[in-house]
All heavy atoms as atom14 arrays in JSON, in Angstrom:
{
  "sequence": "FDYNLKTKSLETRKEVEIPSGYDKSEYVTERKMAPGRDGTMIP",
  "atom14_mask": [
    [1, 1, 1, 1, 1, 1, 1, 1, 1, 1, 1, 0, 0, 0],
    [1, 1, 1, 1, 1, 1, 1, 1, 0, 0, 0, 0, 0, 0],
    [1, 1, 1, 1, 1, 1, 1, 1, 1, 1, 1, 1, 0, 0],
    [1, 1, 1, 1, 1, 1, 1, 1, 0, 0, 0, 0, 0, 0],
    [1, 1, 1, 1, 1, 1, 1, 1, 0, 0, 0, 0, 0, 0],
    [1, 1, 1, 1, 1, 1, 1, 1, 1, 0, 0, 0, 0, 0],
    [1, 1, 1, 1, 1, 1, 1, 0, 0, 0, 0, 0, 0, 0],
    [1, 1, 1, 1, 1, 1, 1, 1, 1, 0, 0, 0, 0, 0],
    [1, 1, 1, 1, 1, 1, 0, 0, 0, 0, 0, 0, 0, 0],
    [1, 1, 1, 1, 1, 1, 1, 1, 0, 0, 0, 0, 0, 0],
    [1, 1, 1, 1, 1, 1, 1, 1, 1, 0, 0, 0, 0, 0],
    [1, 1, 1, 1, 1, 1, 1, 0, 0, 0, 0, 0, 0, 0],
    [1, 1, 1, 1, 1, 1, 1, 1, 1, 1, 1, 0, 0, 0],
    [1, 1, 1, 1, 1, 1, 1, 1, 1, 0, 0, 0, 0, 0],
    [1, 1, 1, 1, 1, 1, 1, 1, 1, 0, 0, 0, 0, 0],
    [1, 1, 1, 1, 1, 1, 1, 0, 0, 0, 0, 0, 0, 0],
    [1, 1, 1, 1, 1, 1, 1, 1, 1, 0, 0, 0, 0, 0],
    [1, 1, 1, 1, 1, 1, 1, 1, 0, 0, 0, 0, 0, 0],
    [1, 1, 1, 1, 1, 1, 1, 0, 0, 0, 0, 0, 0, 0],
    [1, 1, 1, 1, 1, 1, 0, 0, 0, 0, 0, 0, 0, 0],
    [1, 1, 1, 1, 0, 0, 0, 0, 0, 0, 0, 0, 0, 0],
    [1, 1, 1, 1, 1, 1, 1, 1, 1, 1, 1, 1, 0, 0],
    [1, 1, 1, 1, 1, 1, 1, 1, 0, 0, 0, 0, 0, 0],
    [1, 1, 1, 1, 1, 1, 1, 1, 1, 0, 0, 0, 0, 0],
    [1, 1, 1, 1, 1, 1, 0, 0, 0, 0, 0, 0, 0, 0],
    [1, 1, 1, 1, 1, 1, 1, 1, 1, 0, 0, 0, 0, 0],
    [1, 1, 1, 1, 1, 1, 1, 1, 1, 1, 1, 1, 0, 0],
    [1, 1, 1, 1, 1, 1, 1, 0, 0, 0, 0, 0, 0, 0],
    [1, 1, 1, 1, 1, 1, 1, 0, 0, 0, 0, 0, 0, 0],
    [1, 1, 1, 1, 1, 1, 1, 1, 1, 0, 0, 0, 0, 0],
    [1, 1, 1, 1, 1, 1, 1, 1, 1, 1, 1, 0, 0, 0],
    [1, 1, 1, 1, 1, 1, 1, 1, 1, 0, 0, 0, 0, 0],
    [1, 1, 1, 1, 1, 1, 1, 1, 0, 0, 0, 0, 0, 0],
    [1, 1, 1, 1, 1, 0, 0, 0, 0, 0, 0, 0, 0, 0],
    [1, 1, 1, 1, 1, 1, 1, 0, 0, 0, 0, 0, 0, 0],
    [1, 1, 1, 1, 0, 0, 0, 0, 0, 0, 0, 0, 0, 0],
    [1, 1, 1, 1, 1, 1, 1, 1, 1, 1, 1, 0, 0, 0],
    [1, 1, 1, 1, 1, 1, 1, 1, 0, 0, 0, 0, 0, 0],
    [1, 1, 1, 1, 0, 0, 0, 0, 0, 0, 0, 0, 0, 0],
    [1, 1, 1, 1, 1, 1, 1, 0, 0, 0, 0, 0, 0, 0],
    [1, 1, 1, 1, 1, 1, 1, 1, 0, 0, 0, 0, 0, 0],
    [1, 1, 1, 1, 1, 1, 1, 1, 0, 0, 0, 0, 0, 0],
    [1, 1, 1, 1, 1, 1, 1, 0, 0, 0, 0, 0, 0, 0]
  ],
  "atom14_positions": [
    [[0.84, -1.19, 0.0], [0.0, 0.0, 0.0], [0.88, 1.25, 0.0], [1.95, 1.27, 0.61], [-0.87, 0.06, 1.27], [-1.99, -0.92, 1.34], [-2.18, -1.68, 2.49], [-2.89, -1.07, 0.29], [-3.23, -2.57, 2.6], [-3.94, -1.97, 0.38], [-4.11, -2.72, 1.53], [0.0, 0.0, 0.0], [0.0, 0.0, 0.0], [0.0, 0.0, 0.0]],
    [[0.4, 2.29, -0.65], [0.93, 3.65, -0.45], [-0.14, 4.41, 0.32], [-1.29, 4.52, -0.14], [1.24, 4.34, -1.77], [2.57, 3.9, -2.36], [3.31, 3.16, -1.68], [2.86, 4.28, -3.51], [0.0, 0.0, 0.0], [0.0, 0.0, 0.0], [0.0, 0.0, 0.0], [0.0, 0.0, 0.0], [0.0, 0.0, 0.0], [0.0, 0.0, 0.0]],
    [[0.24, 4.91, 1.48], [-0.7, 5.64, 2.32], [-0.56, 7.13, 2.06], [0.52, 7.72, 2.25], [-0.44, 5.34, 3.79], [-1.37, 6.07, 4.74], [-2.72, 5.74, 4.8], [-0.89, 7.09, 5.56], [-3.57, 6.4, 5.67], [-1.73, 7.76, 6.43], [-3.08, 7.42, 6.48], [-3.93, 8.07, 7.33], [0.0, 0.0, 0.0], [0.0, 0.0, 0.0]],
    [[-1.66, 7.75, 1.61], [-1.69, 9.18, 1.3], [-1.99, 9.96, 2.59], [-3.06, 9.81, 3.17], [-2.76, 9.46, 0.24], [-2.73, 10.9, -0.24], [-2.75, 11.83, 0.55], [-2.7, 11.07, -1.56], [0.0, 0.0, 0.0], [0.0, 0.0, 0.0], [0.0, 0.0, 0.0], [0.0, 0.0, 0.0], [0.0, 0.0, 0.0], [0.0, 0.0, 0.0]],
    [[-1.04, 10.76, 3.03], [-1.21, 11.47, 4.29], [-2.28, 12.55, 4.23], [-2.91, 12.87, 5.24], [0.12, 12.11, 4.72], [1.05, 11.21, 5.55], [1.59, 10.06, 4.71], [2.2, 12.02, 6.13], [0.0, 0.0, 0.0], [0.0, 0.0, 0.0], [0.0, 0.0, 0.0], [0.0, 0.0, 0.0], [0.0, 0.0, 0.0], [0.0, 0.0, 0.0]],
    [[-2.51, 13.11, 3.05], [-3.51, 14.17, 2.93], [-4.93, 13.61, 2.99], [-5.79, 14.13, 3.69], [-3.29, 14.95, 1.64], [-1.99, 15.76, 1.61], [-1.86, 16.53, 0.32], [-0.57, 17.35, 0.29], [-0.4, 18.09, -1.0], [0.0, 0.0, 0.0], [0.0, 0.0, 0.0], [0.0, 0.0, 0.0], [0.0, 0.0, 0.0], [0.0, 0.0, 0.0]],
    [[-5.18, 12.54, 2.24], [-6.52, 11.97, 2.18], [-6.73, 10.85, 3.2], [-7.85, 10.37, 3.37], [-6.8, 11.41, 0.78], [-5.88, 10.34, 0.51], [-6.62, 12.5, -0.29], [0.0, 0.0, 0.0], [0.0, 0.0, 0.0], [0.0, 0.0, 0.0], [0.0, 0.0, 0.0], [0.0, 0.0, 0.0], [0.0, 0.0, 0.0], [0.0, 0.0, 0.0]],
    [[-5.63, 10.44, 3.84], [-5.66, 9.34, 4.81], [-6.28, 8.08, 4.18], [-7.12, 7.41, 4.78], [-6.4, 9.74, 6.08], [-5.72, 10.87, 6.85], [-6.43, 11.19, 8.15], [-5.69, 12.31, 8.89], [-6.36, 12.66, 10.17], [0.0, 0.0, 0.0], [0.0, 0.0, 0.0], [0.0, 0.0, 0.0], [0.0, 0.0, 0.0], [0.0, 0.0, 0.0]],
    [[-5.84, 7.8, 2.97], [-6.37, 6.64, 2.24], [-5.22, 5.75, 1.77], [-4.08, 6.2, 1.61], [-7.19, 7.1, 1.04], [-6.38, 7.86, 0.14], [0.0, 0.0, 0.0], [0.0, 0.0, 0.0], [0.0, 0.0, 0.0], [0.0, 0.0, 0.0], [0.0, 0.0, 0.0], [0.0, 0.0, 0.0], [0.0, 0.0, 0.0], [0.0, 0.0, 0.0]],
    [[-5.55, 4.49, 1.55], [-4.58, 3.5, 1.09], [-4.76, 3.25, -0.4], [-5.88, 2.98, -0.86], [-4.75, 2.19, 1.85], [-4.37, 2.2, 3.33], [-4.9, 0.93, 4.01], [-2.87, 2.31, 3.51], [0.0, 0.0, 0.0], [0.0, 0.0, 0.0], [0.0, 0.0, 0.0], [0.0, 0.0, 0.0], [0.0, 0.0, 0.0], [0.0, 0.0, 0.0]],
    [[-3.67, 3.32, -1.14], [-3.68, 2.96, -2.56], [-2.94, 1.65, -2.72], [-1.78, 1.52, -2.3], [-2.99, 4.04, -3.4], [-2.9, 3.68, -4.88], [-2.02, 4.62, -5.67], [-1.48, 5.59, -5.09], [-1.86, 4.39, -6.89], [0.0, 0.0, 0.0], [0.0, 0.0, 0.0], [0.0, 0.0, 0.0], [0.0, 0.0, 0.0], [0.0, 0.0, 0.0]],
    [[-3.6, 0.66, -3.3], [-2.97, -0.64, -3.52], [-2.02, -0.55, -4.71], [-2.44, -0.29, -5.83], [-4.02, -1.73, -3.79], [-4.91, -1.81, -2.68], [-3.36, -3.08, -3.99], [0.0, 0.0, 0.0], [0.0, 0.0, 0.0], [0.0, 0.0, 0.0], [0.0, 0.0, 0.0], [0.0, 0.0, 0.0], [0.0, 0.0, 0.0], [0.0, 0.0, 0.0]],
    [[-0.73, -0.75, -4.44], [0.27, -0.72, -5.5], [0.6, -2.12, -6.01], [1.06, -2.27, -7.13], [1.55, -0.05, -4.99], [1.37, 1.42, -4.59], [0.94, 2.27, -5.79], [1.81, 2.08, -6.94], [2.97, 2.73, -7.13], [3.38, 3.61, -6.23], [3.69, 2.52, -8.2], [0.0, 0.0, 0.0], [0.0, 0.0, 0.0], [0.0, 0.0, 0.0]],
    [[0.37, -3.11, -5.16], [0.65, -4.48, -5.58], [-0.01, -5.45, -4.63], [-0.03, -5.23, -3.42], [2.18, -4.74, -5.6], [2.58, -6.18, -5.91], [4.09, -6.38, -5.78], [4.48, -7.83, -5.99], [5.94, -8.04, -5.88], [0.0, 0.0, 0.0], [0.0, 0.0, 0.0], [0.0, 0.0, 0.0], [0.0, 0.0, 0.0], [0.0, 0.0, 0.0]],
    [[-0.6, -6.51, -5.16], [-0.98, -7.67, -4.39], [-0.37, -8.86, -5.09], [-0.53, -9.01, -6.31], [-2.5, -7.83, -4.3], [-2.92, -9.03, -3.45], [-4.42, -9.1, -3.2], [-4.94, -8.22, -2.49], [-5.05, -10.03, -3.73], [0.0, 0.0, 0.0], [0.0, 0.0, 0.0], [0.0, 0.0, 0.0], [0.0, 0.0, 0.0], [0.0, 0.0, 0.0]],
    [[0.35, -9.67, -4.34], [1.04, -10.81, -4.95], [0.06, -11.66, -5.73], [-0.98, -12.09, -5.22], [1.75, -11.64, -3.87], [2.22, -12.98, -4.45], [2.95, -10.88, -3.31], [0.0, 0.0, 0.0], [0.0, 0.0, 0.0], [0.0, 0.0, 0.0], [0.0, 0.0, 0.0], [0.0, 0.0, 0.0], [0.0, 0.0, 0.0], [0.0, 0.0, 0.0]],
    [[0.39, -11.88, -6.98], [-0.48, -12.65, -7.88], [-0.28, -14.14, -7.65], [0.85, -14.62, -7.49], [-0.15, -12.3, -9.33], [-0.96, -13.05, -10.37], [-0.5, -12.78, -11.78], [0.3, -11.85, -11.98], [-0.93, -13.53, -12.68], [0.0, 0.0, 0.0], [0.0, 0.0, 0.0], [0.0, 0.0, 0.0], [0.0, 0.0, 0.0], [0.0, 0.0, 0.0]],
    [[-1.38, -14.87, -7.64], [-1.33, -16.33, -7.53], [-1.88, -16.89, -8.84], [-3.1, -16.99, -9.03], [-2.15, -16.81, -6.32], [-1.59, -16.17, -5.04], [-2.12, -18.34, -6.22], [-2.36, -16.51, -3.79], [0.0, 0.0, 0.0], [0.0, 0.0, 0.0], [0.0, 0.0, 0.0], [0.0, 0.0, 0.0], [0.0, 0.0, 0.0], [0.0, 0.0, 0.0]],
    [[-1.0, -17.22, -9.78], [-1.44, -17.58, -11.14], [-2.43, -18.74, -11.19], [-3.33, -18.75, -12.04], [-0.13, -17.94, -11.84], [0.92, -17.18, -11.1], [0.46, -17.19, -9.67], [0.0, 0.0, 0.0], [0.0, 0.0, 0.0], [0.0, 0.0, 0.0], [0.0, 0.0, 0.0], [0.0, 0.0, 0.0], [0.0, 0.0, 0.0], [0.0, 0.0, 0.0]],
    [[-2.29, -19.72, -10.3], [-3.19, -20.87, -10.35], [-4.56, -20.57, -9.78], [-5.47, -21.4, -9.85], [-2.57, -22.06, -9.6], [-2.34, -21.73, -8.24], [0.0, 0.0, 0.0], [0.0, 0.0, 0.0], [0.0, 0.0, 0.0], [0.0, 0.0, 0.0], [0.0, 0.0, 0.0], [0.0, 0.0, 0.0], [0.0, 0.0, 0.0], [0.0, 0.0, 0.0]],
    [[-4.7, -19.36, -9.2], [-5.99, -18.93, -8.71], [-6.11, -18.98, -7.2], [-5.59, -19.89, -6.55], [0.0, 0.0, 0.0], [0.0, 0.0, 0.0], [0.0, 0.0, 0.0], [0.0, 0.0, 0.0], [0.0, 0.0, 0.0], [0.0, 0.0, 0.0], [0.0, 0.0, 0.0], [0.0, 0.0, 0.0], [0.0, 0.0, 0.0], [0.0, 0.0, 0.0]],
    [[-6.8, -17.98, -6.67], [-7.03, -17.93, -5.23], [-8.22, -17.01, -4.97], [-8.29, -15.9, -5.49], [-5.8, -17.4, -4.49], [-6.05, -17.14, -3.02], [-6.22, -18.19, -2.14], [-6.13, -15.84, -2.52], [-6.47, -17.96, -0.79], [-6.36, -15.59, -1.18], [-6.54, -16.66, -0.31], [-6.78, -16.43, 1.01], [0.0, 0.0, 0.0], [0.0, 0.0, 0.0]],
    [[-9.14, -17.51, -4.15], [-10.32, -16.74, -3.76], [-10.31, -16.63, -2.24], [-10.6, -17.6, -1.53], [-11.59, -17.45, -4.25], [-12.87, -16.69, -3.89], [-12.77, -15.65, -3.21], [-13.96, -17.15, -4.28], [0.0, 0.0, 0.0], [0.0, 0.0, 0.0], [0.0, 0.0, 0.0], [0.0, 0.0, 0.0], [0.0, 0.0, 0.0], [0.0, 0.0, 0.0]],
    [[-9.97, -15.46, -1.73], [-9.83, -15.3, -0.28], [-11.15, -15.52, 0.47], [-11.14, -15.85, 1.66], [-9.25, -13.93, 0.07], [-10.14, -12.75, -0.25], [-9.46, -11.42, 0.09], [-9.29, -11.22, 1.57], [-8.71, -9.9, 1.9], [0.0, 0.0, 0.0], [0.0, 0.0, 0.0], [0.0, 0.0, 0.0], [0.0, 0.0, 0.0], [0.0, 0.0, 0.0]],
    [[-12.26, -15.36, -0.24], [-13.55, -15.55, 0.42], [-13.78, -17.02, 0.79], [-14.7, -17.33, 1.55], [-14.69, -15.05, -0.47], [-14.83, -15.88, -1.62], [0.0, 0.0, 0.0], [0.0, 0.0, 0.0], [0.0, 0.0, 0.0], [0.0, 0.0, 0.0], [0.0, 0.0, 0.0], [0.0, 0.0, 0.0], [0.0, 0.0, 0.0], [0.0, 0.0, 0.0]],
    [[-12.95, -17.91, 0.27], [-13.07, -19.33, 0.56], [-12.34, -19.73, 1.83], [-12.35, -20.92, 2.21], [-12.54, -20.16, -0.62], [-13.41, -20.09, -1.87], [-14.8, -20.68, -1.62], [-14.88, -21.79, -1.06], [-15.79, -20.01, -1.97], [0.0, 0.0, 0.0], [0.0, 0.0, 0.0], [0.0, 0.0, 0.0], [0.0, 0.0, 0.0], [0.0, 0.0, 0.0]],
    [[-11.7, -18.75, 2.49], [-10.9, -19.07, 3.68], [-11.29, -18.14, 4.83], [-11.74, -17.01, 4.62], [-9.4, -18.94, 3.36], [-8.97, -19.87, 2.25], [-9.09, -19.48, 0.91], [-8.48, -21.14, 2.53], [-8.72, -20.34, -0.11], [-8.1, -22.0, 1.51], [-8.23, -21.6, 0.19], [-7.87, -22.46, -0.83], [0.0, 0.0, 0.0], [0.0, 0.0, 0.0]],
    [[-11.09, -18.63, 6.04], [-11.5, -17.91, 7.24], [-10.3, -17.82, 8.18], [-9.57, -18.81, 8.38], [-12.65, -18.63, 7.97], [-13.03, -17.89, 9.24], [-13.86, -18.76, 7.04], [0.0, 0.0, 0.0], [0.0, 0.0, 0.0], [0.0, 0.0, 0.0], [0.0, 0.0, 0.0], [0.0, 0.0, 0.0], [0.0, 0.0, 0.0], [0.0, 0.0, 0.0]],
    [[-10.09, -16.65, 8.76], [-9.04, -16.49, 9.76], [-9.64, -16.0, 11.06], [-10.63, -15.26, 11.07], [-7.93, -15.53, 9.28], [-6.87, -15.51, 10.25], [-8.45, -14.13, 9.07], [0.0, 0.0, 0.0], [0.0, 0.0, 0.0], [0.0, 0.0, 0.0], [0.0, 0.0, 0.0], [0.0, 0.0, 0.0], [0.0, 0.0, 0.0], [0.0, 0.0, 0.0]],
    [[-9.06, -16.45, 12.17], [-9.54, -16.09, 13.5], [-8.35, -15.77, 14.4], [-7.23, -16.22, 14.16], [-10.31, -17.26, 14.14], [-11.55, -17.7, 13.4], [-12.18, -18.91, 14.07], [-11.46, -19.7, 14.72], [-13.4, -19.05, 13.95], [0.0, 0.0, 0.0], [0.0, 0.0, 0.0], [0.0, 0.0, 0.0], [0.0, 0.0, 0.0], [0.0, 0.0, 0.0]],
    [[-8.66, -15.02, 15.43], [-7.7, -14.83, 16.51], [-8.35, -15.33, 17.81], [-9.44, -14.91, 18.16], [-7.32, -13.36, 16.66], [-6.18, -13.14, 17.67], [-5.98, -11.66, 17.94], [-4.71, -11.37, 18.58], [-4.54, -10.48, 19.55], [-5.58, -9.78, 19.99], [-3.36, -10.26, 20.07], [0.0, 0.0, 0.0], [0.0, 0.0, 0.0], [0.0, 0.0, 0.0]],
    [[-7.68, -16.25, 18.47], [-8.18, -16.82, 19.71], [-7.17, -16.55, 20.82], [-5.99, -16.3, 20.58], [-8.39, -18.33, 19.57], [-9.49, -18.73, 18.58], [-10.88, -18.46, 19.15], [-11.96, -19.01, 18.25], [-13.31, -18.79, 18.8], [0.0, 0.0, 0.0], [0.0, 0.0, 0.0], [0.0, 0.0, 0.0], [0.0, 0.0, 0.0], [0.0, 0.0, 0.0]],
    [[-7.65, -16.64, 22.07], [-6.79, -16.5, 23.23], [-6.91, -17.78, 24.06], [-8.01, -18.14, 24.51], [-7.17, -15.29, 24.06], [-7.11, -13.96, 23.31], [-5.45, -13.47, 22.77], [-4.73, -12.97, 24.34], [0.0, 0.0, 0.0], [0.0, 0.0, 0.0], [0.0, 0.0, 0.0], [0.0, 0.0, 0.0], [0.0, 0.0, 0.0], [0.0, 0.0, 0.0]],
    [[-5.79, -18.48, 24.23], [-5.8, -19.74, 24.97], [-5.32, -19.51, 26.4], [-4.34, -18.8, 26.62], [-4.88, -20.75, 24.28], [0.0, 0.0, 0.0], [0.0, 0.0, 0.0], [0.0, 0.0, 0.0], [0.0, 0.0, 0.0], [0.0, 0.0, 0.0], [0.0, 0.0, 0.0], [0.0, 0.0, 0.0], [0.0, 0.0, 0.0], [0.0, 0.0, 0.0]],
    [[-5.98, -20.1, 27.37], [-5.51, -19.97, 28.76], [-4.3, -20.86, 29.02], [-4.35, -22.07, 28.81], [-6.72, -20.42, 29.58], [-7.45, -21.37, 28.68], [-7.23, -20.89, 27.28], [0.0, 0.0, 0.0], [0.0, 0.0, 0.0], [0.0, 0.0, 0.0], [0.0, 0.0, 0.0], [0.0, 0.0, 0.0], [0.0, 0.0, 0.0], [0.0, 0.0, 0.0]],
    [[-3.21, -20.25, 29.44], [-2.05, -21.02, 29.83], [-2.21, -21.58, 31.22], [-3.1, -21.18, 31.98], [0.0, 0.0, 0.0], [0.0, 0.0, 0.0], [0.0, 0.0, 0.0], [0.0, 0.0, 0.0], [0.0, 0.0, 0.0], [0.0, 0.0, 0.0], [0.0, 0.0, 0.0], [0.0, 0.0, 0.0], [0.0, 0.0, 0.0], [0.0, 0.0, 0.0]],
    [[-1.35, -22.5, 31.58], [-1.48, -23.17, 32.88], [-1.24, -22.22, 34.05], [-1.64, -22.51, 35.17], [-0.52, -24.36, 32.95], [0.96, -24.01, 32.86], [1.8, -25.24, 32.59], [1.56, -25.73, 31.24], [2.17, -26.82, 30.73], [3.01, -27.51, 31.47], [1.92, -27.2, 29.49], [0.0, 0.0, 0.0], [0.0, 0.0, 0.0], [0.0, 0.0, 0.0]],
    [[-0.6, -21.05, 33.79], [-0.41, -20.07, 34.86], [-1.44, -18.94, 34.79], [-1.33, -17.94, 35.49], [1.0, -19.5, 34.83], [1.3, -18.73, 33.55], [0.43, -18.66, 32.65], [2.42, -18.18, 33.44], [0.0, 0.0, 0.0], [0.0, 0.0, 0.0], [0.0, 0.0, 0.0], [0.0, 0.0, 0.0], [0.0, 0.0, 0.0], [0.0, 0.0, 0.0]],
    [[-2.45, -19.11, 33.92], [-3.51, -18.11, 33.8], [-3.3, -17.07, 32.73], [-4.21, -16.3, 32.42], [0.0, 0.0, 0.0], [0.0, 0.0, 0.0], [0.0, 0.0, 0.0], [0.0, 0.0, 0.0], [0.0, 0.0, 0.0], [0.0, 0.0, 0.0], [0.0, 0.0, 0.0], [0.0, 0.0, 0.0], [0.0, 0.0, 0.0], [0.0, 0.0, 0.0]],
    [[-2.1, -17.03, 32.14], [-1.83, -16.07, 31.07], [-2.59, -16.45, 29.81], [-2.67, -17.63, 29.44], [-0.31, -16.04, 30.77], [0.38, -15.66, 31.95], [0.01, -15.07, 29.65], [0.0, 0.0, 0.0], [0.0, 0.0, 0.0], [0.0, 0.0, 0.0], [0.0, 0.0, 0.0], [0.0, 0.0, 0.0], [0.0, 0.0, 0.0], [0.0, 0.0, 0.0]],
    [[-3.15, -15.45, 29.13], [-3.88, -15.69, 27.88], [-2.92, -15.57, 26.71], [-2.25, -14.55, 26.53], [-5.03, -14.7, 27.74], [-6.04, -14.77, 28.9], [-6.77, -16.43, 29.13], [-7.79, -16.55, 27.64], [0.0, 0.0, 0.0], [0.0, 0.0, 0.0], [0.0, 0.0, 0.0], [0.0, 0.0, 0.0], [0.0, 0.0, 0.0], [0.0, 0.0, 0.0]],
    [[-2.85, -16.62, 25.9], [-1.86, -16.73, 24.82], [-2.56, -16.54, 23.47], [-3.49, -17.28, 23.14], [-1.19, -18.11, 24.85], [-0.66, -18.42, 26.26], [-0.06, -18.18, 23.83], [-0.64, -19.89, 26.58], [0.0, 0.0, 0.0], [0.0, 0.0, 0.0], [0.0, 0.0, 0.0], [0.0, 0.0, 0.0], [0.0, 0.0, 0.0], [0.0, 0.0, 0.0]],
    [[-2.13, -15.55, 22.67], [-2.78, -15.33, 21.36], [-2.48, -16.46, 20.38], [-1.38, -17.03, 20.36], [-2.16, -14.01, 20.88], [-1.43, -13.44, 22.05], [-1.07, -14.57, 22.93], [0.0, 0.0, 0.0], [0.0, 0.0, 0.0], [0.0, 0.0, 0.0], [0.0, 0.0, 0.0], [0.0, 0.0, 0.0], [0.0, 0.0, 0.0], [0.0, 0.0, 0.0]]
  ]
}
């Protein structure tokens, strides 16, 4: 991205191309927090 300081907007200059095809809507990402044995939450 190039971030324009005046408009506070992102311009996409490149997204790595995947020639064989890729649809990001077919995949899901999550962030979870796991309880450690000492009570600490681990991302």
